[in-house]
Amino acid sequence: MAAQASDIKNKLNQIYPEIQQYGVGLEVEFDESKKAWMATFKKDSHQLSTHLEEQDVDNCLQGKECYHFGIQLGQFIRNYCEGGEACRL
């Protein structure tokens, strides 16, 4: 089964409620030139994009691990979300 952007986004929203809690925008798309998925997190004027290899995405969707997303998302929220202390994960 090929991964779909909507599946990835739904999975991330499920395992990282901070995305919605802090109003972080999330876009997911496949980058043909890199042969990888791109996840872009946005909050106000701040943006962070990260790429994930297809195997990492498959592992995440199968419930094995979503480690690579977690590091980037955690860093983004700590650096850019509103509320200072409330942004700690």
C-alpha atoms as a PDB file:
ATOM      1  CA  MET A   1       0.000   0.000   0.000  1.00  0.00           C
ATOM      2  CA  ALA A   2       1.467   3.327  -1.045  1.00  0.00           C
ATOM      3  CA  ALA A   3       1.470   6.056   1.575  1.00  0.00           C
ATOM      4  CA  GLN A   4      -0.843   9.012   1.042  1.00  0.00           C
ATOM      5  CA  ALA A   5      -0.235  12.528   2.347  1.00  0.00           C
ATOM      6  CA  SER A   6      -3.574  12.484   4.169  1.00  0.00           C
ATOM      7  CA  ASP A   7      -2.635   9.234   5.953  1.00  0.00           C
ATOM      8  CA  ILE A   8       0.663  10.700   7.105  1.00  0.00           C
ATOM      9  CA  LYS A   9      -0.961  13.911   8.278  1.00  0.00           C
ATOM     10  CA  ASN A  10      -3.707  12.036  10.142  1.00  0.00           C
ATOM     11  CA  LYS A  11      -1.149   9.781  11.842  1.00  0.00           C
ATOM     12  CA  LEU A  12       0.955  12.726  12.928  1.00  0.00           C
ATOM     13  CA  ASN A  13      -2.053  14.579  14.320  1.00  0.00           C
ATOM     14  CA  GLN A  14      -2.982  11.433  16.215  1.00  0.00           C
ATOM     15  CA  ILE A  15       0.385  10.788  17.842  1.00  0.00           C
ATOM     16  CA  TYR A  16       1.396  14.437  18.322  1.00  0.00           C
ATOM     17  CA  PRO A  17      -1.603  16.353  19.720  1.00  0.00           C
ATOM     18  CA  GLU A  18       0.733  19.344  20.139  1.00  0.00           C
ATOM     19  CA  ILE A  19       0.217  20.073  16.448  1.00  0.00           C
ATOM     20  CA  GLN A  20      -3.383  21.084  17.061  1.00  0.00           C
ATOM     21  CA  GLN A  21      -2.874  22.192  20.665  1.00  0.00           C
ATOM     22  CA  TYR A  22      -0.444  24.920  19.609  1.00  0.00           C
ATOM     23  CA  GLY A  23      -2.061  25.661  16.253  1.00  0.00           C
ATOM     24  CA  VAL A  24       0.915  24.436  14.250  1.00  0.00           C
ATOM     25  CA  GLY A  25       0.143  24.115  10.560  1.00  0.00           C
ATOM     26  CA  LEU A  26       1.209  20.891   8.912  1.00  0.00           C
ATOM     27  CA  GLU A  27       1.540  20.170   5.215  1.00  0.00           C
ATOM     28  CA  VAL A  28       2.745  16.868   3.794  1.00  0.00           C
ATOM     29  CA  GLU A  29       3.694  16.185   0.185  1.00  0.00           C
ATOM     30  CA  PHE A  30       5.897  13.855  -1.805  1.00  0.00           C
ATOM     31  CA  ASP A  31       8.961  15.468  -3.402  1.00  0.00           C
ATOM     32  CA  GLU A  32       9.709  13.572  -6.611  1.00  0.00           C
ATOM     33  CA  SER A  33      13.160  15.121  -6.992  1.00  0.00           C
ATOM     34  CA  LYS A  34      14.233  13.893  -3.530  1.00  0.00           C
ATOM     35  CA  LYS A  35      12.140  10.706  -3.626  1.00  0.00           C
ATOM     36  CA  ALA A  36      11.066  11.547  -0.080  1.00  0.00           C
ATOM     37  CA  TRP A  37       8.089  12.929   1.813  1.00  0.00           C
ATOM     38  CA  MET A  38       8.302  16.552   2.906  1.00  0.00           C
ATOM     39  CA  ALA A  39       6.616  17.670   6.110  1.00  0.00           C
ATOM     40  CA  THR A  40       6.338  21.412   6.654  1.00  0.00           C
ATOM     41  CA  PHE A  41       5.401  22.805  10.049  1.00  0.00           C
ATOM     42  CA  LYS A  42       4.238  26.432  10.250  1.00  0.00           C
ATOM     43  CA  LYS A  43       3.417  28.759  13.110  1.00  0.00           C
ATOM     44  CA  ASP A  44       2.882  32.459  12.456  1.00  0.00           C
ATOM     45  CA  SER A  45       5.882  33.624  10.398  1.00  0.00           C
ATOM     46  CA  HIS A  46       8.022  30.587  11.301  1.00  0.00           C
ATOM     47  CA  GLN A  47       8.394  27.506   9.139  1.00  0.00           C
ATOM     48  CA  LEU A  48      10.365  24.282   9.321  1.00  0.00           C
ATOM     49  CA  SER A  49      10.526  21.672   6.562  1.00  0.00           C
ATOM     50  CA  THR A  50      11.959  18.223   6.942  1.00  0.00           C
ATOM     51  CA  HIS A  51      12.141  15.236   4.649  1.00  0.00           C
ATOM     52  CA  LEU A  52      11.441  11.629   5.466  1.00  0.00           C
ATOM     53  CA  GLU A  53      12.559   8.603   3.571  1.00  0.00           C
ATOM     54  CA  GLU A  54       9.771   6.378   2.333  1.00  0.00           C
ATOM     55  CA  GLN A  55      10.820   3.567   4.695  1.00  0.00           C
ATOM     56  CA  ASP A  56      10.537   5.933   7.676  1.00  0.00           C
ATOM     57  CA  VAL A  57       7.045   6.932   6.561  1.00  0.00           C
ATOM     58  CA  ASP A  58       6.018   3.296   6.092  1.00  0.00           C
ATOM     59  CA  ASN A  59       7.325   2.462   9.579  1.00  0.00           C
ATOM     60  CA  CYS A  60       5.362   5.355  11.055  1.00  0.00           C
ATOM     61  CA  LEU A  61       2.118   4.389   9.343  1.00  0.00           C
ATOM     62  CA  GLN A  62       2.550   0.782  10.452  1.00  0.00           C
ATOM     63  CA  GLY A  63       2.918   1.920  14.053  1.00  0.00           C
ATOM     64  CA  LYS A  64       6.549   0.882  14.364  1.00  0.00           C
ATOM     65  CA  GLU A  65       8.113   4.297  14.991  1.00  0.00           C
ATOM     66  CA  CYS A  66       7.721   7.936  14.078  1.00  0.00           C
ATOM     67  CA  TYR A  67      11.013   9.009  15.561  1.00  0.00           C
ATOM     68  CA  HIS A  68      12.173  11.285  12.755  1.00  0.00           C
ATOM     69  CA  PHE A  69       8.956  13.324  12.759  1.00  0.00           C
ATOM     70  CA  GLY A  70       9.071  13.633  16.525  1.00  0.00           C
ATOM     71  CA  ILE A  71      12.487  15.235  16.682  1.00  0.00           C
ATOM     72  CA  GLN A  72      11.658  17.913  14.134  1.00  0.00           C
ATOM     73  CA  LEU A  73       8.203  18.593  15.526  1.00  0.00           C
ATOM     74  CA  GLY A  74       9.459  18.835  19.089  1.00  0.00           C
ATOM     75  CA  GLN A  75      12.185  21.247  18.090  1.00  0.00           C
ATOM     76  CA  PHE A  76       9.761  23.398  16.134  1.00  0.00           C
ATOM     77  CA  ILE A  77       7.242  23.632  18.963  1.00  0.00           C
ATOM     78  CA  ARG A  78       9.916  24.439  21.557  1.00  0.00           C
ATOM     79  CA  ASN A  79      11.360  27.179  19.364  1.00  0.00           C
ATOM     80  CA  TYR A  80       8.283  28.820  17.880  1.00  0.00           C
ATOM     81  CA  CYS A  81       5.036  28.100  19.641  1.00  0.00           C
ATOM     82  CA  GLU A  82       3.412  30.699  21.781  1.00  0.00           C
ATOM     83  CA  GLY A  83       3.343  30.534  25.548  1.00  0.00           C
ATOM     84  CA  GLY A  84       6.972  29.865  26.463  1.00  0.00           C
ATOM     85  CA  GLU A  85       6.701  27.412  29.352  1.00  0.00           C
ATOM     86  CA  ALA A  86       3.486  25.897  27.949  1.00  0.00           C
ATOM     87  CA  CYS A  87       5.372  24.841  24.823  1.00  0.00           C
ATOM     88  CA  ARG A  88       7.453  22.216  26.557  1.00  0.00           C
ATOM     89  CA  LEU A  89       6.652  18.735  25.358  1.00  0.00           C
END
